[in-house]
Amino acid sequence: MLNPIHLRTLTEAVRTGSFAETARLLGYTTSAVSQQIAMLERAVGAQLFERSARSVRPTAIAERMALLSRDALAALSELEREVRALTRGDAGTLRLASFATANARIMASTLAAIVERRPGADVLLDEGEPDEVLAGVLDGDRDAAVVFAYDLDPRTWPRELIATPLLSEPLMLVTSPAHRLAARPDASLVEVADERWICTRSDTAGSKSLERLCATAGFVPRITLRSNDYGVVCSLVRRGLGVAVVPKLAIGVDSGLGVLRIADSEVFRRILALHRPSNTNPLLPIVLDALRAQCQAIAQRWG
């Protein structure tokens, strides 16, 4: 196989008609240029320059090789540029997954920051609950996943993955704006024990957390409406159809709800990012930094 370095030297030598000028342009010594041409001649089995004491003259073979090499060398240079862009994270593809609330409150700003920093990169985002996206991270279909776990429904993550903590959300009691407790900063769950409750499906961590939280307060919640979309849950609460306990991230800035701390009980939903330690995608550290920055900004707004 012909050495592209030697071909580049040949192209310059044919263009300039001088080994000395070629050496100056490429940063070699004249002797190094002469040695490269000699190695190329041995590789092709033909003389490429007529040499005299004062000059060198390319042969017809050398001129033809130089002409044919230009496109190949240009393609090789483009390849080198693209590879450098990939290794720096200026290009390439990043495949992410996250759950609905985080997509709305965290990922939108995070992805915008990544695209601004790396406009040549492609960022792909899928949505799913933690158990739905774990397999994709483990088998390499996704570079990282943003997941959650409730304090009152603890879980462990596969040992093959690195877990990066991002945000701790307090669970909040939400009521309609006209509710008798809506203007208060906090309330005990006992104060709403007889209310109708709105919650996620019975098999979810959110539902299990509510049941355990209420059990600690000494009652079983009367759950009348269920939805796995916290946006729907908040909308139902806003209409006065019941009360709910939801993670703080699920509550919009202008939610129109009564939002109360749960007195005598500090419980959280923890948000974290999972990725494989062997993942060498140069875009991965960039997204982890952006996620941490976004979540830190959210935590600061919460005080």
Protein backbone atom coordinates (compact mmCIF):
# COMPACT_ATOMS: atom_id res chain seq x y z
CA MET A 1 0.00 0.00 0.00
CA LEU A 2 1.30 3.42 -0.92
CA ASN A 3 2.19 5.69 2.00
CA PRO A 4 0.00 8.84 1.93
CA ILE A 5 2.82 10.87 3.50
CA HIS A 6 5.08 9.91 0.61
CA LEU A 7 2.32 10.72 -1.87
CA ARG A 8 1.88 14.17 -0.36
CA THR A 9 5.64 14.74 -0.65
CA LEU A 10 5.55 13.53 -4.26
CA THR A 11 2.69 15.91 -5.12
CA GLU A 12 4.59 18.91 -3.74
CA ALA A 13 7.83 17.86 -5.41
CA VAL A 14 6.10 17.57 -8.79
CA ARG A 15 4.40 20.92 -8.31
CA THR A 16 7.53 22.82 -7.20
CA GLY A 17 10.13 20.89 -9.21
CA SER A 18 12.47 21.10 -6.22
CA PHE A 19 13.24 18.79 -3.30
CA ALA A 20 14.58 21.76 -1.33
CA GLU A 21 11.41 23.83 -1.83
CA THR A 22 9.27 20.78 -0.98
CA ALA A 23 11.27 20.32 2.22
CA ARG A 24 10.72 23.97 3.16
CA LEU A 25 6.96 23.82 2.54
CA LEU A 26 6.42 20.53 4.40
CA GLY A 27 8.84 21.16 7.27
CA TYR A 28 11.30 18.41 6.32
CA THR A 29 14.97 18.42 5.47
CA THR A 30 15.96 18.03 1.82
CA SER A 31 17.51 14.69 2.71
CA ALA A 32 14.20 13.48 4.22
CA VAL A 33 12.33 14.43 1.04
CA SER A 34 14.89 12.55 -1.07
CA GLN A 35 14.55 9.48 1.16
CA GLN A 36 10.73 9.54 0.94
CA ILE A 37 10.85 9.74 -2.85
CA ALA A 38 13.34 6.88 -2.93
CA MET A 39 11.04 4.71 -0.78
CA LEU A 40 8.11 5.56 -3.04
CA GLU A 41 10.14 4.59 -6.09
CA ARG A 42 10.89 1.21 -4.53
CA ALA A 43 7.21 0.77 -3.70
CA VAL A 44 6.03 1.42 -7.27
CA GLY A 45 9.05 -0.17 -8.94
CA ALA A 46 9.76 2.83 -11.18
CA GLN A 47 11.91 5.94 -11.25
CA LEU A 48 9.89 9.04 -10.42
CA PHE A 49 12.46 11.82 -10.84
CA GLU A 50 15.41 12.43 -13.10
CA ARG A 51 18.11 13.74 -10.80
CA SER A 52 21.05 15.96 -11.66
CA ALA A 53 23.49 17.95 -9.56
CA ARG A 54 21.34 21.07 -9.78
CA SER A 55 17.75 19.96 -10.28
CA VAL A 56 15.17 17.19 -10.29
CA ARG A 57 12.66 16.56 -13.07
CA PRO A 58 9.49 14.45 -12.56
CA THR A 59 8.94 11.57 -14.89
CA ALA A 60 5.66 10.96 -16.68
CA ILE A 61 4.81 8.32 -14.06
CA ALA A 62 5.42 10.84 -11.26
CA GLU A 63 3.23 13.46 -12.91
CA ARG A 64 0.41 10.96 -13.40
CA MET A 65 0.73 9.71 -9.80
CA ALA A 66 0.66 13.28 -8.48
CA LEU A 67 -2.49 14.00 -10.50
CA LEU A 68 -4.25 10.86 -9.26
CA SER A 69 -3.13 11.43 -5.68
CA ARG A 70 -4.75 14.84 -5.29
CA ASP A 71 -8.30 13.54 -4.88
CA ALA A 72 -7.15 10.70 -2.64
CA LEU A 73 -5.15 13.06 -0.41
CA ALA A 74 -8.06 15.50 -0.26
CA ALA A 75 -10.39 12.66 0.80
CA LEU A 76 -7.86 11.55 3.40
CA SER A 77 -7.64 15.11 4.78
CA GLU A 78 -11.42 15.26 5.00
CA LEU A 79 -11.40 11.90 6.82
CA GLU A 80 -8.82 13.23 9.28
CA ARG A 81 -10.95 16.35 9.90
CA GLU A 82 -14.08 14.29 10.52
CA VAL A 83 -12.28 11.87 12.84
CA ARG A 84 -10.86 14.77 14.84
CA ALA A 85 -14.37 16.26 15.07
CA LEU A 86 -15.73 12.92 16.29
CA THR A 87 -13.05 12.47 18.93
CA ARG A 88 -13.56 16.02 20.21
CA GLY A 89 -17.34 15.61 20.29
CA ASP A 90 -17.86 18.29 17.61
CA ALA A 91 -19.69 15.66 15.54
CA GLY A 92 -21.19 12.23 16.12
CA THR A 93 -24.41 10.94 17.68
CA LEU A 94 -25.56 10.88 21.28
CA ARG A 95 -28.49 8.61 22.16
CA LEU A 96 -30.42 9.43 25.32
CA ALA A 97 -33.56 8.30 27.12
CA SER A 98 -35.51 9.97 29.89
CA PHE A 99 -38.92 10.00 31.53
CA ALA A 100 -41.71 12.42 30.69
CA THR A 101 -41.38 14.92 33.55
CA ALA A 102 -37.62 15.21 33.12
CA ASN A 103 -38.03 15.62 29.36
CA ALA A 104 -40.27 18.61 29.96
CA ARG A 105 -38.40 20.24 32.85
CA ILE A 106 -34.76 19.18 32.42
CA MET A 107 -33.97 17.68 29.02
CA ALA A 108 -35.30 20.49 26.82
CA SER A 109 -32.87 23.04 28.26
CA THR A 110 -30.08 20.46 28.49
CA LEU A 111 -30.38 19.46 24.84
CA ALA A 112 -30.51 23.11 23.76
CA ALA A 113 -27.23 23.71 25.64
CA ILE A 114 -25.60 20.69 23.98
CA VAL A 115 -26.70 21.74 20.50
CA GLU A 116 -25.39 25.24 21.15
CA ARG A 117 -22.00 23.88 22.24
CA ARG A 118 -21.80 21.15 19.57
CA PRO A 119 -23.97 22.22 16.60
CA GLY A 120 -22.48 19.49 14.40
CA ALA A 121 -23.57 16.67 16.71
CA ASP A 122 -26.81 14.70 16.48
CA VAL A 123 -28.67 14.22 19.77
CA LEU A 124 -31.42 11.59 19.84
CA LEU A 125 -33.92 11.41 22.71
CA ASP A 126 -36.36 8.64 23.58
CA GLU A 127 -38.91 8.54 26.39
CA GLY A 128 -39.73 5.83 28.88
CA GLU A 129 -39.95 4.80 32.51
CA PRO A 130 -36.75 3.54 34.18
CA ASP A 131 -37.50 -0.15 33.63
CA GLU A 132 -38.27 0.56 29.97
CA VAL A 133 -34.95 2.26 29.20
CA LEU A 134 -32.46 0.29 31.32
CA ALA A 135 -31.96 -2.48 28.78
CA GLY A 136 -31.04 0.02 26.08
CA VAL A 137 -28.23 1.47 28.22
CA LEU A 138 -26.96 -1.97 29.20
CA ASP A 139 -26.80 -3.31 25.63
CA GLY A 140 -25.38 -0.11 24.12
CA ASP A 141 -28.42 1.09 22.18
CA ARG A 142 -28.42 4.23 24.34
CA ASP A 143 -25.48 6.20 25.70
CA ALA A 144 -27.27 7.30 28.88
CA ALA A 145 -30.66 7.36 30.55
CA VAL A 146 -32.16 9.78 33.07
CA VAL A 147 -34.17 7.79 35.61
CA PHE A 148 -35.77 8.23 39.03
CA ALA A 149 -36.30 6.41 42.31
CA TYR A 150 -38.57 7.28 45.26
CA ASP A 151 -37.25 7.19 48.83
CA LEU A 152 -40.37 5.26 49.86
CA ASP A 153 -39.98 2.72 47.04
CA PRO A 154 -36.21 2.08 47.06
CA ARG A 155 -34.51 0.25 44.24
CA THR A 156 -31.04 -0.70 43.08
CA TRP A 157 -29.46 -0.22 39.67
CA PRO A 158 -27.38 -2.74 37.67
CA ARG A 159 -23.79 -2.94 38.87
CA GLU A 160 -22.63 -2.64 35.27
CA LEU A 161 -23.79 0.99 35.18
CA ILE A 162 -22.48 4.20 36.74
CA ALA A 163 -25.17 6.26 38.50
CA THR A 164 -24.69 10.04 38.56
CA PRO A 165 -27.00 11.86 41.05
CA LEU A 166 -28.66 14.91 39.49
CA LEU A 167 -31.54 16.22 41.58
CA SER A 168 -33.51 15.47 44.75
CA GLU A 169 -37.15 16.51 44.46
CA PRO A 170 -39.29 16.88 47.58
CA LEU A 171 -42.73 15.34 47.35
CA MET A 172 -45.35 18.09 47.68
CA LEU A 173 -49.01 18.11 48.59
CA VAL A 174 -51.06 19.85 45.89
CA THR A 175 -54.63 21.12 46.13
CA SER A 176 -57.00 23.19 44.05
CA PRO A 177 -56.55 26.98 44.39
CA ALA A 178 -59.89 27.19 46.21
CA HIS A 179 -59.02 24.49 48.74
CA ARG A 180 -59.15 25.45 52.43
CA LEU A 181 -55.41 24.70 52.79
CA ALA A 182 -54.20 26.19 49.50
CA ALA A 183 -52.73 29.37 50.98
CA ARG A 184 -50.73 27.60 53.67
CA PRO A 185 -47.01 26.82 53.29
CA ASP A 186 -47.37 23.31 54.70
CA ALA A 187 -49.90 20.82 56.01
CA SER A 188 -50.02 17.44 57.65
CA LEU A 189 -51.44 14.60 55.56
CA VAL A 190 -53.83 13.86 58.41
CA GLU A 191 -55.54 17.15 57.55
CA VAL A 192 -56.53 15.75 54.14
CA ALA A 193 -57.03 12.13 55.15
CA ASP A 194 -60.74 12.20 54.27
CA GLU A 195 -60.24 13.85 50.86
CA ARG A 196 -60.48 12.14 47.52
CA TRP A 197 -57.00 11.39 46.16
CA ILE A 198 -55.58 11.44 42.67
CA CYS A 199 -52.57 9.27 41.95
CA THR A 200 -50.59 7.30 39.39
CA ARG A 201 -51.36 3.65 38.57
CA SER A 202 -51.32 1.21 41.46
CA ASP A 203 -48.19 -0.61 40.21
CA THR A 204 -46.04 2.55 40.08
CA ALA A 205 -43.45 3.87 42.51
CA GLY A 206 -45.49 7.05 42.91
CA SER A 207 -48.57 5.14 44.02
CA LYS A 208 -46.60 2.91 46.42
CA SER A 209 -44.94 5.99 47.90
CA LEU A 210 -48.30 7.67 48.51
CA GLU A 211 -49.71 4.58 50.22
CA ARG A 212 -46.65 4.23 52.49
CA LEU A 213 -46.62 7.96 53.25
CA CYS A 214 -50.30 7.87 54.23
CA ALA A 215 -49.80 4.67 56.23
CA THR A 216 -47.17 6.47 58.29
CA ALA A 217 -49.77 9.18 58.94
CA GLY A 218 -52.26 6.52 60.04
CA PHE A 219 -54.76 6.28 57.16
CA VAL A 220 -55.40 4.66 53.77
CA PRO A 221 -55.96 7.19 50.96
CA ARG A 222 -59.25 6.99 49.07
CA ILE A 223 -57.89 7.08 45.50
CA THR A 224 -60.62 7.89 42.98
CA LEU A 225 -58.69 8.98 39.89
CA ARG A 226 -55.44 7.69 38.38
CA SER A 227 -53.12 8.85 35.62
CA ASN A 228 -49.44 8.19 34.95
CA ASP A 229 -49.12 11.69 33.50
CA TYR A 230 -48.42 14.15 36.30
CA GLY A 231 -49.65 16.92 34.04
CA VAL A 232 -53.04 15.23 34.01
CA VAL A 233 -52.90 14.65 37.78
CA CYS A 234 -52.23 18.35 38.39
CA SER A 235 -54.99 19.35 35.98
CA LEU A 236 -57.51 17.14 37.84
CA VAL A 237 -56.40 18.59 41.18
CA ARG A 238 -56.71 22.13 39.80
CA ARG A 239 -60.38 21.40 38.96
CA GLY A 240 -61.06 20.43 42.56
CA LEU A 241 -61.47 16.70 41.89
CA GLY A 242 -59.11 15.68 44.67
CA VAL A 243 -55.71 16.24 46.24
CA ALA A 244 -52.41 14.61 45.34
CA VAL A 245 -48.79 14.16 46.34
CA VAL A 246 -46.45 14.79 43.43
CA PRO A 247 -42.71 15.39 42.93
CA LYS A 248 -41.87 19.08 42.82
CA LEU A 249 -40.51 18.89 39.27
CA ALA A 250 -43.99 17.92 38.07
CA ILE A 251 -45.46 21.21 39.26
CA GLY A 252 -45.27 24.03 36.73
CA VAL A 253 -44.08 27.49 37.75
CA ASP A 254 -47.54 28.93 37.16
CA SER A 255 -49.48 25.80 38.04
CA GLY A 256 -52.46 27.54 39.61
CA LEU A 257 -52.35 24.98 42.41
CA GLY A 258 -52.03 25.14 46.14
CA VAL A 259 -48.54 23.72 46.74
CA LEU A 260 -47.69 22.73 50.32
CA ARG A 261 -44.76 21.10 52.04
CA ILE A 262 -45.73 17.90 53.83
CA ALA A 263 -45.35 18.65 57.52
CA ASP A 264 -43.29 16.25 59.64
CA SER A 265 -42.24 14.22 56.59
CA GLU A 266 -39.33 14.93 54.28
CA VAL A 267 -39.33 12.46 51.38
CA PHE A 268 -37.87 12.77 47.92
CA ARG A 269 -37.80 11.43 44.41
CA ARG A 270 -34.17 11.13 43.30
CA ILE A 271 -33.21 11.79 39.69
CA LEU A 272 -30.00 10.36 38.31
CA ALA A 273 -28.25 9.51 35.05
CA LEU A 274 -27.08 5.99 34.20
CA HIS A 275 -24.35 5.08 31.71
CA ARG A 276 -21.84 2.32 31.02
CA PRO A 277 -18.31 2.94 32.36
CA SER A 278 -16.89 1.57 29.09
CA ASN A 279 -18.77 4.14 26.97
CA THR A 280 -16.15 6.28 25.17
CA ASN A 281 -18.56 8.56 23.30
CA PRO A 282 -16.90 12.01 23.66
CA LEU A 283 -20.35 13.61 23.79
CA LEU A 284 -21.24 11.72 26.99
CA PRO A 285 -19.20 13.90 29.41
CA ILE A 286 -20.69 16.96 27.72
CA VAL A 287 -24.28 15.82 28.34
CA LEU A 288 -23.50 14.81 31.94
CA ASP A 289 -22.04 18.27 32.59
CA ALA A 290 -25.07 19.92 30.99
CA LEU A 291 -27.48 17.79 33.04
CA ARG A 292 -25.68 18.62 36.29
CA ALA A 293 -25.68 22.32 35.46
CA GLN A 294 -29.39 22.33 34.61
CA CYS A 295 -30.35 20.41 37.74
CA GLN A 296 -28.17 22.64 39.90
CA ALA A 297 -29.96 25.68 38.47
CA ILE A 298 -33.32 24.09 39.29
CA ALA A 299 -32.24 23.29 42.85
CA GLN A 300 -31.06 26.87 43.34
CA ARG A 301 -34.41 28.23 42.15
CA TRP A 302 -36.10 25.99 44.71
CA GLY A 303 -33.81 27.35 47.42
